[in-house]
Each structure stands twice: as C-alpha cells, then as structure tokens.
Amino acid sequence: MRKLSDVAAEIRKDWRAIRNGAAASALDAMATMGVVPEPYGLDPNGYGVIGQFLTGAKGWRGPTARRVKAELRAMCKR
C-alpha cells in the first residue's frame, strides 16, 4: 500500500487545475500523511480525508484519475 503523500504527489502532477476547495484541502492533508490507518489531526485515521477528496474530485477525469480513485477506494475497504 502506497503512502497517501505519494498518492497526493501523483494527483498534483496529473490534476494541475484543482478548482474544488474541498478536494484541494484534502489533497493538502494527504500530502502530509502516511498510510490510511494512521491518525490525522484529531481524527483516528485518514478515511475521512480520503472521502472528502473523492467527493470533491468529481471534476478530475482521465485514466490516471480513474486508477488513483480506485486505489483510494480500495485503501478505504481494508
């Protein structure tokens, strides 16, 4: 399983014009995180951050977006 910071770096490389504020703030948070089960701030884990990103990232499309979104969903199912 990749670190969320690595996933965030890939997203930023592919999705340069992030217009959704929720997605942008979640991506900023993901850039500082390790794996999903680790605590983030006052949250016991990173599941909420991923959910916020996926909700806000509906405008991010293409093959990289589909692959990365599927990877994030799979991380949440573990």
Protein backbone atom coordinates (compact mmCIF):
# COMPACT_ATOMS: atom_id res chain seq x y z
CA MET A 1 0.00 0.00 0.00
CA ARG A 2 1.38 3.40 -1.00
CA LYS A 3 1.66 6.31 1.36
CA LEU A 4 -1.01 8.95 0.93
CA SER A 5 1.73 11.52 0.43
CA ASP A 6 2.90 9.58 -2.64
CA VAL A 7 -0.66 9.38 -3.96
CA ALA A 8 -1.10 13.12 -3.39
CA ALA A 9 2.09 13.85 -5.35
CA GLU A 10 0.79 11.81 -8.29
CA ILE A 11 -2.57 13.59 -8.17
CA ARG A 12 -0.92 17.03 -8.17
CA LYS A 13 1.22 16.04 -11.14
CA ASP A 14 -1.83 14.94 -13.16
CA TRP A 15 -4.52 17.37 -11.93
CA ARG A 16 -2.98 20.81 -12.18
CA ALA A 17 -6.11 22.99 -12.09
CA ILE A 18 -7.88 21.94 -8.90
CA ARG A 19 -10.92 24.18 -8.60
CA ASN A 20 -12.77 22.38 -5.82
CA GLY A 21 -11.78 23.73 -2.41
CA ALA A 22 -12.70 20.53 -0.54
CA ALA A 23 -10.56 18.43 -2.86
CA ALA A 24 -7.67 20.89 -2.59
CA SER A 25 -7.71 20.95 1.22
CA ALA A 26 -8.00 17.16 1.40
CA LEU A 27 -5.11 16.85 -1.02
CA ASP A 28 -3.02 19.18 1.17
CA ALA A 29 -3.79 16.93 4.13
CA MET A 30 -2.98 13.76 2.17
CA ALA A 31 0.40 15.26 1.24
CA THR A 32 1.39 15.12 4.92
CA MET A 33 0.07 11.63 5.67
CA GLY A 34 1.49 8.15 5.72
CA VAL A 35 -0.89 5.20 5.50
CA VAL A 36 -4.66 5.45 5.94
CA PRO A 37 -4.99 3.79 9.37
CA GLU A 38 -2.62 6.31 10.98
CA PRO A 39 -4.21 9.17 12.93
CA TYR A 40 -4.54 12.56 11.25
CA GLY A 41 -5.01 15.56 13.49
CA LEU A 42 -7.87 14.80 15.84
CA ASP A 43 -9.22 12.07 13.54
CA PRO A 44 -8.31 8.50 14.44
CA ASN A 45 -7.42 7.74 10.79
CA GLY A 46 -7.32 9.12 7.26
CA TYR A 47 -10.57 7.67 5.95
CA GLY A 48 -12.42 10.97 6.28
CA VAL A 49 -9.71 12.81 4.36
CA ILE A 50 -9.93 10.32 1.51
CA GLY A 51 -13.72 10.56 1.49
CA GLN A 52 -13.52 14.36 1.36
CA PHE A 53 -11.09 14.17 -1.54
CA LEU A 54 -13.16 11.67 -3.51
CA THR A 55 -16.30 13.74 -3.03
CA GLY A 56 -14.58 16.89 -4.21
CA ALA A 57 -12.63 15.27 -7.05
CA LYS A 58 -15.56 14.58 -9.36
CA GLY A 59 -14.11 17.04 -11.87
CA TRP A 60 -10.80 15.16 -12.09
CA ARG A 61 -11.07 12.78 -15.04
CA GLY A 62 -8.96 10.58 -17.27
CA PRO A 63 -7.09 7.29 -16.94
CA THR A 64 -4.87 8.42 -14.06
CA ALA A 65 -7.87 9.77 -12.18
CA ARG A 66 -9.80 6.52 -12.60
CA ARG A 67 -6.84 4.42 -11.45
CA VAL A 68 -5.97 6.60 -8.44
CA LYS A 69 -9.59 6.97 -7.31
CA ALA A 70 -9.97 3.18 -7.46
CA GLU A 71 -6.77 2.82 -5.43
CA LEU A 72 -8.07 5.25 -2.78
CA ARG A 73 -11.41 3.42 -2.59
CA ALA A 74 -9.55 0.12 -2.16
CA MET A 75 -7.48 1.65 0.66
CA CYS A 76 -10.70 2.52 2.47
CA LYS A 77 -12.03 -1.03 2.22
CA ARG A 78 -9.09 -2.56 4.08
